[in-house]
């Protein structure tokens, strides 16, 4: 590793978004780099779709499996939330 690497030559920097993208690969450094661990190009980053998809799956599981099976006493829906009758009674009670 006597060769110095100029970071400016192997990266692209997007000043608007602050993204740094690696342009070079280092196949000679097998312990540090391989094809699976190379940083993903900005145009190929799909993490937002992963988050949206996982949240959609979470909502469906909660609505149609978890709540009906493990907390059937909860009433309500996705828009206004779920609440149990005893909780509703406690919070709607007037204090004299």
N, C-alpha and C. Protein backbone atom coordinates (compact mmCIF):
# COMPACT_ATOMS: atom_id res chain seq x y z
N UNK A 1 0.82 -1.19 0.00
CA UNK A 1 0.00 0.00 0.00
C UNK A 1 0.87 1.25 0.00
N UNK A 2 1.95 1.22 -0.71
CA UNK A 2 2.80 2.40 -0.78
C UNK A 2 2.22 3.45 -1.72
N UNK A 3 1.32 3.03 -2.61
CA UNK A 3 0.69 3.98 -3.52
C UNK A 3 -0.37 4.78 -2.77
N UNK A 4 -0.28 6.09 -2.90
CA UNK A 4 -1.29 6.95 -2.29
C UNK A 4 -2.48 7.05 -3.23
N UNK A 5 -3.66 7.01 -2.67
CA UNK A 5 -4.88 7.14 -3.46
C UNK A 5 -5.43 8.54 -3.27
N UNK A 6 -5.67 9.21 -4.38
CA UNK A 6 -6.27 10.53 -4.34
C UNK A 6 -7.79 10.36 -4.29
N UNK A 7 -8.38 10.74 -3.17
CA UNK A 7 -9.83 10.55 -3.01
C UNK A 7 -10.64 11.31 -4.05
N UNK A 8 -10.15 12.42 -4.50
CA UNK A 8 -10.86 13.21 -5.51
C UNK A 8 -10.96 12.50 -6.85
N UNK A 9 -9.99 11.65 -7.15
CA UNK A 9 -9.99 10.92 -8.42
C UNK A 9 -10.95 9.73 -8.42
N UNK A 10 -11.23 9.17 -7.26
CA UNK A 10 -12.04 7.96 -7.22
C UNK A 10 -13.46 8.20 -6.71
N UNK A 11 -13.81 9.46 -6.44
CA UNK A 11 -15.16 9.74 -5.95
C UNK A 11 -15.80 10.88 -6.73
N UNK A 12 -17.11 10.87 -6.72
CA UNK A 12 -17.91 12.00 -7.22
C UNK A 12 -18.64 12.58 -6.03
N UNK A 13 -18.70 13.87 -5.93
CA UNK A 13 -19.41 14.53 -4.84
C UNK A 13 -20.52 15.38 -5.41
N UNK A 14 -21.74 15.17 -4.89
CA UNK A 14 -22.90 15.97 -5.31
C UNK A 14 -23.10 17.03 -4.24
N UNK A 15 -22.70 18.28 -4.49
CA UNK A 15 -22.80 19.32 -3.46
C UNK A 15 -24.23 19.70 -3.10
N UNK A 16 -25.17 19.49 -4.01
CA UNK A 16 -26.55 19.85 -3.73
C UNK A 16 -27.15 18.93 -2.66
N UNK A 17 -26.96 17.61 -2.85
CA UNK A 17 -27.53 16.63 -1.93
C UNK A 17 -26.54 16.13 -0.89
N UNK A 18 -25.26 16.38 -1.10
CA UNK A 18 -24.24 15.91 -0.16
C UNK A 18 -23.85 14.45 -0.35
N UNK A 19 -24.21 13.85 -1.48
CA UNK A 19 -23.90 12.45 -1.74
C UNK A 19 -22.45 12.30 -2.18
N UNK A 20 -21.81 11.25 -1.72
CA UNK A 20 -20.48 10.88 -2.19
C UNK A 20 -20.60 9.51 -2.84
N UNK A 21 -20.10 9.40 -4.06
CA UNK A 21 -20.21 8.16 -4.82
C UNK A 21 -18.81 7.67 -5.19
N UNK A 22 -18.53 6.40 -4.93
CA UNK A 22 -17.24 5.81 -5.25
C UNK A 22 -17.23 5.35 -6.70
N UNK A 23 -16.21 5.75 -7.46
CA UNK A 23 -16.11 5.38 -8.87
C UNK A 23 -15.18 4.21 -9.11
N UNK A 24 -14.27 3.97 -8.21
CA UNK A 24 -13.24 2.95 -8.43
C UNK A 24 -13.58 1.67 -7.68
N UNK A 25 -13.02 0.57 -8.15
CA UNK A 25 -13.11 -0.70 -7.42
C UNK A 25 -11.69 -1.08 -7.02
N UNK A 26 -11.59 -1.90 -6.02
CA UNK A 26 -10.29 -2.31 -5.51
C UNK A 26 -10.20 -3.83 -5.44
N UNK A 27 -10.14 -4.49 -6.59
CA UNK A 27 -10.13 -5.96 -6.59
C UNK A 27 -8.86 -6.54 -5.95
N UNK A 28 -7.80 -5.77 -5.91
CA UNK A 28 -6.56 -6.29 -5.31
C UNK A 28 -6.64 -6.35 -3.78
N UNK A 29 -7.54 -5.63 -3.18
CA UNK A 29 -7.72 -5.66 -1.73
C UNK A 29 -8.87 -6.58 -1.38
N UNK A 30 -8.64 -7.88 -1.52
CA UNK A 30 -9.72 -8.85 -1.36
C UNK A 30 -10.28 -8.88 0.06
N UNK A 31 -9.50 -8.51 1.06
CA UNK A 31 -9.99 -8.54 2.43
C UNK A 31 -10.90 -7.34 2.74
N UNK A 32 -10.78 -6.28 1.98
CA UNK A 32 -11.56 -5.09 2.24
C UNK A 32 -12.70 -4.88 1.26
N UNK A 33 -12.55 -5.39 0.05
CA UNK A 33 -13.53 -5.11 -0.99
C UNK A 33 -13.89 -6.39 -1.73
N UNK A 34 -15.13 -6.53 -2.06
CA UNK A 34 -15.55 -7.53 -3.04
C UNK A 34 -16.80 -6.98 -3.71
N UNK A 35 -17.27 -7.65 -4.71
CA UNK A 35 -18.37 -7.12 -5.51
C UNK A 35 -19.63 -6.87 -4.67
N UNK A 36 -19.87 -7.74 -3.67
CA UNK A 36 -21.06 -7.59 -2.84
C UNK A 36 -21.00 -6.36 -1.94
N UNK A 37 -19.81 -5.94 -1.56
CA UNK A 37 -19.68 -4.84 -0.61
C UNK A 37 -19.28 -3.51 -1.25
N UNK A 38 -19.21 -3.47 -2.57
CA UNK A 38 -18.90 -2.21 -3.22
C UNK A 38 -20.04 -1.23 -2.96
N UNK A 39 -19.73 0.00 -2.68
CA UNK A 39 -20.82 0.99 -2.50
C UNK A 39 -21.69 1.08 -3.75
N UNK A 40 -22.97 1.24 -3.53
CA UNK A 40 -23.94 1.30 -4.62
C UNK A 40 -23.96 2.68 -5.24
N UNK A 41 -24.03 2.73 -6.55
CA UNK A 41 -24.12 4.02 -7.24
C UNK A 41 -25.41 4.73 -6.84
N UNK A 42 -25.39 6.03 -6.85
CA UNK A 42 -26.55 6.82 -6.43
C UNK A 42 -27.78 6.47 -7.25
N UNK A 43 -27.59 6.26 -8.55
CA UNK A 43 -28.73 5.95 -9.41
C UNK A 43 -29.34 4.58 -9.12
N UNK A 44 -28.60 3.71 -8.42
CA UNK A 44 -29.09 2.37 -8.12
C UNK A 44 -29.57 2.20 -6.69
N UNK A 45 -29.55 3.26 -5.90
CA UNK A 45 -29.98 3.17 -4.51
C UNK A 45 -31.50 3.13 -4.46
N UNK A 46 -32.04 2.09 -3.85
CA UNK A 46 -33.49 1.91 -3.82
C UNK A 46 -33.99 1.76 -2.39
N UNK A 47 -33.32 2.34 -1.44
CA UNK A 47 -33.71 2.17 -0.04
C UNK A 47 -35.09 2.74 0.24
N UNK A 48 -35.51 3.77 -0.47
CA UNK A 48 -36.82 4.35 -0.22
C UNK A 48 -37.92 3.36 -0.56
N UNK A 49 -37.74 2.58 -1.63
CA UNK A 49 -38.72 1.56 -1.98
C UNK A 49 -38.75 0.45 -0.94
N UNK A 50 -37.60 0.13 -0.38
CA UNK A 50 -37.53 -0.88 0.67
C UNK A 50 -38.29 -0.43 1.90
N UNK A 51 -38.12 0.80 2.29
CA UNK A 51 -38.82 1.33 3.47
C UNK A 51 -40.33 1.36 3.23
N UNK A 52 -40.75 1.85 2.07
CA UNK A 52 -42.18 1.91 1.76
C UNK A 52 -42.78 0.51 1.74
N UNK A 53 -42.10 -0.43 1.12
CA UNK A 53 -42.59 -1.80 1.04
C UNK A 53 -42.68 -2.44 2.42
N UNK A 54 -41.66 -2.24 3.27
CA UNK A 54 -41.69 -2.84 4.60
C UNK A 54 -42.80 -2.23 5.46
N UNK A 55 -43.04 -0.94 5.33
CA UNK A 55 -44.13 -0.31 6.08
C UNK A 55 -45.49 -0.80 5.60
N UNK A 56 -45.64 -1.01 4.32
CA UNK A 56 -46.89 -1.53 3.79
C UNK A 56 -47.16 -2.94 4.32
N UNK A 57 -46.13 -3.77 4.33
CA UNK A 57 -46.26 -5.12 4.88
C UNK A 57 -46.61 -5.05 6.36
N UNK A 58 -45.97 -4.14 7.10
CA UNK A 58 -46.24 -3.97 8.53
C UNK A 58 -47.71 -3.61 8.77
N UNK A 59 -48.23 -2.67 8.01
CA UNK A 59 -49.62 -2.25 8.17
C UNK A 59 -50.57 -3.41 7.89
N UNK A 60 -50.32 -4.15 6.82
CA UNK A 60 -51.19 -5.28 6.50
C UNK A 60 -51.14 -6.36 7.57
N UNK A 61 -49.95 -6.66 8.07
CA UNK A 61 -49.83 -7.66 9.14
C UNK A 61 -50.56 -7.22 10.40
N UNK A 62 -50.39 -5.96 10.78
CA UNK A 62 -51.04 -5.47 11.99
C UNK A 62 -52.57 -5.48 11.84
N UNK A 63 -53.05 -5.03 10.71
CA UNK A 63 -54.50 -4.90 10.48
C UNK A 63 -55.19 -6.26 10.39
N UNK A 64 -54.59 -7.20 9.68
CA UNK A 64 -55.29 -8.44 9.37
C UNK A 64 -54.82 -9.67 10.15
N UNK A 65 -53.74 -9.55 10.93
CA UNK A 65 -53.28 -10.73 11.66
C UNK A 65 -53.01 -10.44 13.13
N UNK A 66 -52.13 -9.52 13.43
CA UNK A 66 -51.70 -9.27 14.81
C UNK A 66 -52.86 -8.76 15.67
N UNK A 67 -53.49 -7.67 15.26
CA UNK A 67 -54.58 -7.11 16.07
C UNK A 67 -55.78 -8.05 16.20
N UNK A 68 -56.27 -8.65 15.13
CA UNK A 68 -57.41 -9.55 15.31
C UNK A 68 -57.09 -10.78 16.16
N UNK A 69 -55.88 -11.29 16.05
CA UNK A 69 -55.54 -12.52 16.77
C UNK A 69 -55.18 -12.26 18.23
N UNK A 70 -54.37 -11.23 18.50
CA UNK A 70 -53.83 -11.03 19.83
C UNK A 70 -54.49 -9.91 20.62
N UNK A 71 -55.22 -9.03 19.97
CA UNK A 71 -55.92 -7.95 20.69
C UNK A 71 -57.29 -7.71 20.06
N UNK A 72 -58.16 -8.72 20.12
CA UNK A 72 -59.46 -8.56 19.47
C UNK A 72 -60.35 -7.53 20.17
N UNK A 73 -59.99 -7.14 21.40
CA UNK A 73 -60.82 -6.16 22.11
C UNK A 73 -60.65 -4.74 21.59
N UNK A 74 -59.64 -4.51 20.78
CA UNK A 74 -59.43 -3.17 20.23
C UNK A 74 -60.42 -2.88 19.12
N UNK A 75 -61.00 -1.70 19.19
CA UNK A 75 -61.96 -1.26 18.17
C UNK A 75 -61.38 -0.05 17.45
N UNK A 76 -61.74 0.13 16.22
CA UNK A 76 -61.26 1.28 15.47
C UNK A 76 -60.75 0.89 14.10
N UNK A 77 -59.86 1.70 13.58
CA UNK A 77 -59.32 1.44 12.26
C UNK A 77 -58.00 2.15 12.05
N UNK A 78 -57.49 2.01 10.85
CA UNK A 78 -56.17 2.58 10.53
C UNK A 78 -56.18 4.11 10.56
N UNK A 79 -57.27 4.72 10.19
CA UNK A 79 -57.30 6.18 10.09
C UNK A 79 -57.41 6.85 11.45
N UNK A 80 -58.32 6.39 12.28
CA UNK A 80 -58.55 7.03 13.58
C UNK A 80 -57.89 6.30 14.73
N UNK A 81 -57.21 5.21 14.46
CA UNK A 81 -56.52 4.47 15.50
C UNK A 81 -57.40 3.42 16.16
N UNK A 82 -56.77 2.64 17.01
CA UNK A 82 -57.46 1.57 17.72
C UNK A 82 -57.52 1.93 19.20
N UNK A 83 -58.62 1.56 19.85
CA UNK A 83 -58.77 1.81 21.27
C UNK A 83 -59.67 0.73 21.87
N UNK A 84 -59.35 0.32 23.09
CA UNK A 84 -60.18 -0.66 23.79
C UNK A 84 -61.32 0.07 24.49
N UNK A 85 -62.42 -0.64 24.72
CA UNK A 85 -63.59 -0.03 25.37
C UNK A 85 -63.26 0.47 26.78
N UNK A 86 -62.48 -0.30 27.55
CA UNK A 86 -62.15 0.14 28.91
C UNK A 86 -61.27 1.40 28.91
N UNK A 87 -60.38 1.50 27.96
CA UNK A 87 -59.54 2.70 27.85
C UNK A 87 -60.39 3.91 27.48
N UNK A 88 -61.32 3.70 26.56
CA UNK A 88 -62.22 4.77 26.14
C UNK A 88 -63.06 5.25 27.33
N UNK A 89 -63.52 4.31 28.12
CA UNK A 89 -64.34 4.64 29.30
C UNK A 89 -63.54 5.48 30.29
N UNK A 90 -62.29 5.12 30.52
CA UNK A 90 -61.45 5.85 31.47
C UNK A 90 -61.22 7.29 31.00
N UNK A 91 -60.88 7.47 29.74
CA UNK A 91 -60.54 8.80 29.25
C UNK A 91 -61.74 9.68 28.94
N UNK A 92 -62.90 9.09 28.81
CA UNK A 92 -64.10 9.89 28.57
C UNK A 92 -64.84 10.25 29.86
N UNK A 93 -64.37 9.76 30.99
CA UNK A 93 -65.02 10.01 32.28
C UNK A 93 -64.85 11.47 32.67
N UNK A 94 -65.92 12.06 33.09
CA UNK A 94 -65.89 13.47 33.55
C UNK A 94 -65.46 13.52 34.99
N UNK A 95 -64.58 14.48 35.31
CA UNK A 95 -64.13 14.67 36.68
C UNK A 95 -64.98 15.79 37.30
N UNK A 96 -65.58 15.51 38.46
CA UNK A 96 -66.41 16.52 39.13
C UNK A 96 -65.59 17.45 39.96
